Amino acid sequence: MNNLRKLIIVISLVFVIFAQPGNAARDTNSYDGNIFPIYTGNGSLVPPPNSLAESLDKKRTSVLVFYLDDSADSKAFAPSVSAIKLIWSNTIDLLPLTTDQLQNKPKNDPREPNYYWNGRIPQVVVLDGNGDIKLDEDGQVSLEKINKAISSATGADLPNISIKIKSFNEYNSEPSVE
């Protein structure tokens, strides 16, 4: 029993000495896990509750957001995606889609998200209920520009609210209504 206890202590020490700390960093292209729960506290964004085809069948406005979990640009844009959900909630179908699943797929079906992906991230595409493109931009697209496109696509007035993205630390931030 004494030898077993010594062995357990030695193994524990080896793990303590050689263990690497887990680091998440918003400003690196490292994979930290799904960016929405980590950087915005909103894990409900992925996976999307419906597909683009379902949204088009129901004639709903769709907002496609193409991203990668290991992209600093996507991590920086994640709070804006969460803000879109906060502002428009049930008015639109928000479809955040990692581009890993779109690689090397044919782009011939407008009912499939890869038809709209231009190969850059983050990218935002707003489609009205008829599938017409109201916005297609990549990079850090402003919430104001996205909101105008959604308003145009839905026919709804622009929301009369102000969204502020609060950062709690170097990892976490969340949008809030002011």
Protein backbone atom coordinates (compact mmCIF):
# COMPACT_ATOMS: atom_id res chain seq x y z
CA MET A 1 0.00 0.00 0.00
CA ASN A 2 2.87 2.32 0.76
CA ASN A 3 4.34 1.76 -2.73
CA LEU A 4 0.96 2.51 -4.33
CA ARG A 5 0.74 5.76 -2.41
CA LYS A 6 4.26 6.75 -3.54
CA LEU A 7 3.41 5.90 -7.15
CA ILE A 8 0.27 8.03 -7.02
CA ILE A 9 2.24 10.95 -5.59
CA VAL A 10 4.94 10.65 -8.28
CA ILE A 11 2.36 10.47 -11.08
CA SER A 12 0.50 13.46 -9.63
CA LEU A 13 3.72 15.48 -9.45
CA VAL A 14 4.54 14.62 -13.06
CA PHE A 15 1.12 15.91 -14.15
CA VAL A 16 1.49 19.09 -12.10
CA ILE A 17 5.00 19.81 -13.37
CA PHE A 18 4.30 19.14 -17.06
CA ALA A 19 0.74 20.41 -17.32
CA GLN A 20 0.30 23.38 -19.63
CA PRO A 21 -2.15 26.10 -18.67
CA GLY A 22 -5.20 26.48 -20.89
CA ASN A 23 -5.19 29.84 -22.58
CA ALA A 24 -7.88 31.42 -24.68
CA ALA A 25 -6.97 34.54 -26.59
CA ARG A 26 -9.33 36.67 -28.64
CA ASP A 27 -6.50 38.26 -30.61
CA THR A 28 -4.87 35.05 -31.89
CA ASN A 29 -5.80 32.52 -34.52
CA SER A 30 -5.82 29.75 -31.95
CA TYR A 31 -8.63 27.28 -31.48
CA ASP A 32 -10.21 27.87 -28.08
CA GLY A 33 -13.50 26.07 -28.63
CA ASN A 34 -16.77 27.47 -29.92
CA ILE A 35 -16.34 31.25 -29.97
CA PHE A 36 -19.90 32.19 -29.05
CA PRO A 37 -20.08 30.70 -25.54
CA ILE A 38 -16.45 31.64 -24.84
CA TYR A 39 -16.36 35.22 -26.11
CA THR A 40 -20.02 36.33 -25.85
CA GLY A 41 -21.54 33.99 -23.29
CA ASN A 42 -24.18 33.00 -25.87
CA GLY A 43 -23.95 29.32 -26.68
CA SER A 44 -27.49 29.31 -28.08
CA LEU A 45 -26.30 30.71 -31.42
CA VAL A 46 -24.82 27.45 -32.65
CA PRO A 47 -25.92 25.24 -34.12
CA PRO A 48 -28.61 27.31 -35.84
CA PRO A 49 -32.12 26.05 -35.07
CA ASN A 50 -32.98 25.76 -38.76
CA SER A 51 -31.35 25.58 -42.18
CA LEU A 52 -31.22 28.17 -44.92
CA ALA A 53 -33.54 26.02 -47.04
CA GLU A 54 -36.11 25.98 -44.22
CA SER A 55 -35.85 29.77 -43.82
CA LEU A 56 -36.35 30.30 -47.56
CA ASP A 57 -39.31 27.89 -47.59
CA LYS A 58 -40.93 29.95 -44.82
CA LYS A 59 -40.08 33.23 -46.64
CA ARG A 60 -38.14 34.50 -43.61
CA THR A 61 -35.27 36.93 -43.64
CA SER A 62 -32.02 35.03 -43.19
CA VAL A 63 -28.78 36.41 -41.82
CA LEU A 64 -25.84 34.16 -42.67
CA VAL A 65 -22.65 34.75 -40.70
CA PHE A 66 -19.65 32.80 -41.92
CA TYR A 67 -16.86 32.38 -39.36
CA LEU A 68 -14.12 30.13 -38.03
CA ASP A 69 -13.56 29.29 -34.38
CA ASP A 70 -9.79 29.69 -34.83
CA SER A 71 -9.89 33.16 -36.40
CA ALA A 72 -9.06 36.31 -34.43
CA ASP A 73 -11.30 38.30 -36.79
CA SER A 74 -14.23 35.96 -36.16
CA LYS A 75 -13.63 36.12 -32.40
CA ALA A 76 -13.68 39.92 -32.53
CA PHE A 77 -16.94 39.84 -34.54
CA ALA A 78 -18.70 37.33 -32.25
CA PRO A 79 -20.23 40.00 -29.94
CA SER A 80 -21.81 41.67 -32.99
CA VAL A 81 -23.43 38.37 -33.98
CA SER A 82 -24.80 38.05 -30.46
CA ALA A 83 -26.10 41.64 -30.72
CA ILE A 84 -27.95 40.81 -33.95
CA LYS A 85 -29.74 38.01 -32.10
CA LEU A 86 -30.53 40.36 -29.21
CA ILE A 87 -31.93 43.09 -31.46
CA TRP A 88 -33.91 41.04 -33.96
CA SER A 89 -34.57 37.82 -31.96
CA ASN A 90 -37.57 36.11 -33.60
CA THR A 91 -37.88 38.52 -36.55
CA ILE A 92 -35.07 36.83 -38.51
CA ASP A 93 -33.37 33.50 -38.86
CA LEU A 94 -29.78 33.99 -37.71
CA LEU A 95 -27.49 31.32 -39.14
CA PRO A 96 -23.90 31.50 -37.84
CA LEU A 97 -22.01 28.90 -39.87
CA THR A 98 -18.45 27.72 -39.49
CA THR A 99 -16.82 27.55 -42.91
CA ASP A 100 -15.09 24.24 -42.15
CA GLN A 101 -18.21 22.42 -43.30
CA LEU A 102 -18.43 24.45 -46.52
CA GLN A 103 -14.94 23.74 -47.86
CA ASN A 104 -14.82 22.24 -51.36
CA LYS A 105 -18.59 22.03 -51.78
CA PRO A 106 -20.17 23.07 -55.09
CA LYS A 107 -21.71 26.56 -55.16
CA ASN A 108 -24.62 25.87 -57.46
CA ASP A 109 -27.64 25.77 -55.12
CA PRO A 110 -28.93 29.09 -53.69
CA ARG A 111 -30.73 27.11 -50.99
CA GLU A 112 -27.35 26.07 -49.56
CA PRO A 113 -25.17 28.47 -47.52
CA ASN A 114 -21.96 27.69 -49.44
CA TYR A 115 -23.56 29.35 -52.49
CA TYR A 116 -23.11 32.72 -50.72
CA TRP A 117 -19.75 32.20 -49.02
CA ASN A 118 -17.00 34.19 -50.75
CA GLY A 119 -14.08 32.44 -49.05
CA ARG A 120 -13.37 35.20 -46.50
CA ILE A 121 -14.32 35.46 -42.84
CA PRO A 122 -16.16 36.85 -41.10
CA GLN A 123 -18.76 37.43 -43.78
CA VAL A 124 -22.36 38.58 -43.33
CA VAL A 125 -25.07 37.93 -45.91
CA VAL A 126 -28.63 39.20 -45.40
CA LEU A 127 -31.30 37.58 -47.58
CA ASP A 128 -34.91 38.71 -47.70
CA GLY A 129 -37.76 36.19 -47.69
CA ASN A 130 -37.47 35.78 -51.47
CA GLY A 131 -33.78 34.96 -51.25
CA ASP A 132 -32.64 38.32 -52.63
CA ILE A 133 -29.33 39.57 -51.24
CA LYS A 134 -29.69 42.78 -49.22
CA LEU A 135 -26.14 42.77 -47.81
CA ASP A 136 -23.00 40.80 -48.59
CA GLU A 137 -19.88 42.06 -46.85
CA ASP A 138 -16.90 40.58 -45.12
CA GLY A 139 -14.80 41.82 -42.24
CA GLN A 140 -15.97 43.76 -39.21
CA VAL A 141 -19.31 44.90 -40.66
CA SER A 142 -20.95 47.56 -38.52
CA LEU A 143 -24.16 46.75 -36.65
CA GLU A 144 -25.70 49.86 -38.19
CA LYS A 145 -25.14 48.53 -41.72
CA ILE A 146 -26.43 45.07 -40.79
CA ASN A 147 -29.51 46.54 -39.06
CA LYS A 148 -30.32 48.66 -42.14
CA ALA A 149 -30.11 45.60 -44.38
CA ILE A 150 -32.31 43.56 -42.02
CA SER A 151 -34.82 46.41 -41.83
CA SER A 152 -34.92 46.57 -45.63
CA ALA A 153 -35.29 42.79 -45.90
CA THR A 154 -38.04 42.46 -43.29
CA GLY A 155 -39.87 45.72 -43.90
CA ALA A 156 -39.63 46.34 -40.14
CA ASP A 157 -38.53 49.69 -38.77
CA LEU A 158 -35.01 50.02 -37.52
CA PRO A 159 -35.01 49.33 -33.80
CA ASN A 160 -34.90 52.44 -31.67
CA ILE A 161 -32.38 51.01 -29.26
CA SER A 162 -28.70 51.40 -28.66
CA ILE A 163 -26.50 48.36 -28.29
CA LYS A 164 -23.32 48.59 -26.29
CA ILE A 165 -20.84 45.74 -26.24
CA LYS A 166 -19.41 45.40 -22.76
CA SER A 167 -16.09 43.65 -22.27
CA PHE A 168 -15.68 41.90 -18.94
CA ASN A 169 -12.10 40.88 -19.52
CA GLU A 170 -9.83 40.03 -22.44
CA TYR A 171 -12.03 37.00 -23.27
CA ASN A 172 -15.64 37.76 -22.52
CA SER A 173 -17.98 40.45 -23.77
CA GLU A 174 -21.68 40.67 -24.36
CA PRO A 175 -24.08 43.07 -26.02
CA SER A 176 -26.56 44.95 -23.91
CA VAL A 177 -29.47 47.25 -24.70
CA GLU A 178 -29.16 50.84 -23.56
